[in-house]
Amino acid sequence: MNEDVLSTPGHLISLAARGFARLSESRLKPLGFGVGQLPVLVALQNGKASTQRDLARFARIEQPPMAQMLARMERDGLIERTRDPADGRSSRIVLTRTAQERMPEAITTLFQGNREALTGFTGAEAGQLVDLLKRLIENLDQIANAEASSGD
């Protein structure tokens, strides 16, 4: 077999993802955020989700890790939980004022890191990379869903 497993898209994307995660983590930490919290922070800021279940779905993680993350975020003063008036068994989650105030700087920081990582890419190349990655993620989701369905 002549193929180099270290040159496969899966391996290279994994290396890139870890590199982005290290860069983002080091720049977000002084702001009190973690890179894993980003989907939750963005979903809450944009009103895309407000319950643990919806946040887990939005962030594409299972309920137990989401519960742990939310507990840490609450402890760190990033979120608050309030009882859902429509369903007493459920709670609504919102960003604290502190988190809201820090979000613009965090977003600016992340965009800056992305610009730096794409140094030497044209705008068209950067756009094409994003489009290709979105298609790849969609394919992977379809594969995972098909395998989950066949296992039922």
Protein backbone atom coordinates (compact mmCIF):
# COMPACT_ATOMS: atom_id res chain seq x y z
CA MET A 1 0.00 0.00 0.00
CA ASN A 2 1.58 3.26 -1.17
CA GLU A 3 -0.78 5.67 0.52
CA ASP A 4 0.57 7.71 3.41
CA VAL A 5 -1.95 7.49 6.25
CA LEU A 6 -0.49 10.71 7.71
CA SER A 7 -1.49 12.57 4.53
CA THR A 8 -5.15 11.55 4.57
CA PRO A 9 -7.79 14.24 4.96
CA GLY A 10 -8.92 12.76 8.27
CA HIS A 11 -5.47 12.96 9.82
CA LEU A 12 -4.69 16.41 8.43
CA ILE A 13 -8.04 17.82 9.55
CA SER A 14 -7.46 16.35 12.99
CA LEU A 15 -4.06 18.07 13.20
CA ALA A 16 -5.56 21.36 12.02
CA ALA A 17 -8.42 21.07 14.54
CA ARG A 18 -6.00 20.46 17.39
CA GLY A 19 -3.89 23.42 16.27
CA PHE A 20 -6.93 25.70 16.13
CA ALA A 21 -8.05 24.42 19.54
CA ARG A 22 -4.64 25.14 21.13
CA LEU A 23 -4.51 28.61 19.59
CA SER A 24 -8.08 29.45 20.58
CA GLU A 25 -7.72 28.03 24.09
CA SER A 26 -4.60 30.07 24.81
CA ARG A 27 -6.28 33.26 23.62
CA LEU A 28 -9.68 32.67 25.23
CA LYS A 29 -8.39 31.58 28.64
CA PRO A 30 -7.48 35.14 29.74
CA LEU A 31 -11.09 36.12 28.95
CA GLY A 32 -12.44 33.34 31.17
CA PHE A 33 -13.68 31.14 28.33
CA GLY A 34 -12.72 27.70 27.06
CA VAL A 35 -12.79 26.69 23.42
CA GLY A 36 -15.22 23.85 24.18
CA GLN A 37 -17.69 26.37 25.55
CA LEU A 38 -17.92 28.31 22.28
CA PRO A 39 -20.94 26.56 20.78
CA VAL A 40 -22.85 27.05 24.04
CA LEU A 41 -21.84 30.69 24.37
CA VAL A 42 -22.76 31.46 20.76
CA ALA A 43 -26.08 29.57 20.96
CA LEU A 44 -27.05 31.45 24.12
CA GLN A 45 -25.92 34.80 22.75
CA ASN A 46 -27.82 34.33 19.48
CA GLY A 47 -30.93 32.85 21.07
CA LYS A 48 -30.49 29.53 19.22
CA ALA A 49 -30.97 27.48 22.39
CA SER A 50 -31.79 28.01 26.05
CA THR A 51 -32.18 24.54 27.57
CA GLN A 52 -29.57 21.90 28.31
CA ARG A 53 -31.15 19.52 25.81
CA ASP A 54 -31.19 22.11 23.04
CA LEU A 55 -27.65 23.22 23.81
CA ALA A 56 -26.42 19.62 23.66
CA ARG A 57 -28.11 19.17 20.30
CA PHE A 58 -26.73 22.48 19.00
CA ALA A 59 -23.19 21.70 20.19
CA ARG A 60 -23.43 18.08 18.99
CA ILE A 61 -22.44 16.57 22.31
CA GLU A 62 -24.15 14.11 24.61
CA GLN A 63 -26.20 15.20 27.63
CA PRO A 64 -23.77 14.12 30.42
CA PRO A 65 -20.80 16.13 29.10
CA MET A 66 -23.12 19.08 28.46
CA ALA A 67 -24.38 18.91 32.04
CA GLN A 68 -20.78 18.93 33.30
CA MET A 69 -19.84 21.84 31.06
CA LEU A 70 -22.86 23.87 32.15
CA ALA A 71 -22.06 23.19 35.81
CA ARG A 72 -18.52 24.52 35.28
CA MET A 73 -19.82 27.53 33.35
CA GLU A 74 -22.29 28.30 36.13
CA ARG A 75 -19.54 27.94 38.75
CA ASP A 76 -17.34 30.31 36.70
CA GLY A 77 -20.09 32.91 36.49
CA LEU A 78 -20.71 32.60 32.73
CA ILE A 79 -24.30 31.35 32.82
CA GLU A 80 -27.34 31.47 35.07
CA ARG A 81 -30.20 29.00 35.26
CA THR A 82 -33.78 30.04 35.85
CA ARG A 83 -36.86 27.88 36.20
CA ASP A 84 -38.77 27.50 32.96
CA PRO A 85 -42.21 29.03 33.58
CA ALA A 86 -43.78 26.67 31.02
CA ASP A 87 -42.18 23.51 32.46
CA GLY A 88 -41.22 23.44 36.14
CA ARG A 89 -38.99 20.41 35.59
CA SER A 90 -36.80 22.31 33.16
CA SER A 91 -34.62 25.38 33.45
CA ARG A 92 -33.68 28.13 31.05
CA ILE A 93 -30.04 29.06 30.67
CA VAL A 94 -28.81 32.58 29.94
CA LEU A 95 -25.45 34.27 29.72
CA THR A 96 -24.46 36.39 32.70
CA ARG A 97 -23.70 40.05 32.21
CA THR A 98 -19.99 39.20 32.63
CA ALA A 99 -20.10 36.67 29.79
CA GLN A 100 -22.06 39.06 27.58
CA GLU A 101 -19.48 41.78 28.16
CA ARG A 102 -16.57 39.47 27.32
CA MET A 103 -18.12 37.89 24.20
CA PRO A 104 -17.26 40.66 21.70
CA GLU A 105 -13.57 40.49 22.60
CA ALA A 106 -13.64 36.68 22.46
CA ILE A 107 -15.22 36.73 19.01
CA THR A 108 -12.71 39.32 17.77
CA THR A 109 -9.91 37.17 19.17
CA LEU A 110 -11.19 34.07 17.39
CA PHE A 111 -11.59 35.84 14.06
CA GLN A 112 -8.05 37.21 14.40
CA GLY A 113 -6.69 33.70 15.03
CA ASN A 114 -8.52 32.41 11.97
CA ARG A 115 -7.11 35.23 9.82
CA GLU A 116 -3.61 34.43 11.07
CA ALA A 117 -4.05 30.71 10.43
CA LEU A 118 -5.18 31.45 6.87
CA THR A 119 -2.21 33.67 6.06
CA GLY A 120 -1.31 33.12 2.42
CA PHE A 121 -4.81 31.97 1.47
CA THR A 122 -6.79 34.13 -0.91
CA GLY A 123 -10.31 35.09 0.09
CA ALA A 124 -11.61 32.64 -2.51
CA GLU A 125 -9.43 29.83 -1.11
CA ALA A 126 -10.56 30.54 2.45
CA GLY A 127 -14.20 30.51 1.30
CA GLN A 128 -13.67 27.29 -0.62
CA LEU A 129 -12.05 25.67 2.41
CA VAL A 130 -15.07 26.59 4.56
CA ASP A 131 -17.47 25.23 1.92
CA LEU A 132 -15.50 21.98 1.61
CA LEU A 133 -15.37 21.50 5.37
CA LYS A 134 -19.13 22.08 5.67
CA ARG A 135 -19.74 19.43 3.00
CA LEU A 136 -17.36 17.06 4.75
CA ILE A 137 -19.15 17.54 8.07
CA GLU A 138 -22.50 16.94 6.39
CA ASN A 139 -21.17 13.70 4.87
CA LEU A 140 -19.82 12.55 8.22
CA ASP A 141 -23.15 13.35 9.91
CA GLN A 142 -25.01 11.33 7.26
CA ILE A 143 -22.67 8.38 7.75
CA ALA A 144 -23.03 8.53 11.53
CA ASN A 145 -26.84 8.78 11.28
CA ALA A 146 -27.00 5.86 8.85
CA GLU A 147 -24.82 3.72 11.11
CA ALA A 148 -26.88 4.66 14.17
CA SER A 149 -30.08 3.74 12.30
CA SER A 150 -28.73 0.40 11.15
CA GLY A 151 -27.72 -0.44 14.72
CA ASP A 152 -31.28 -0.05 16.02
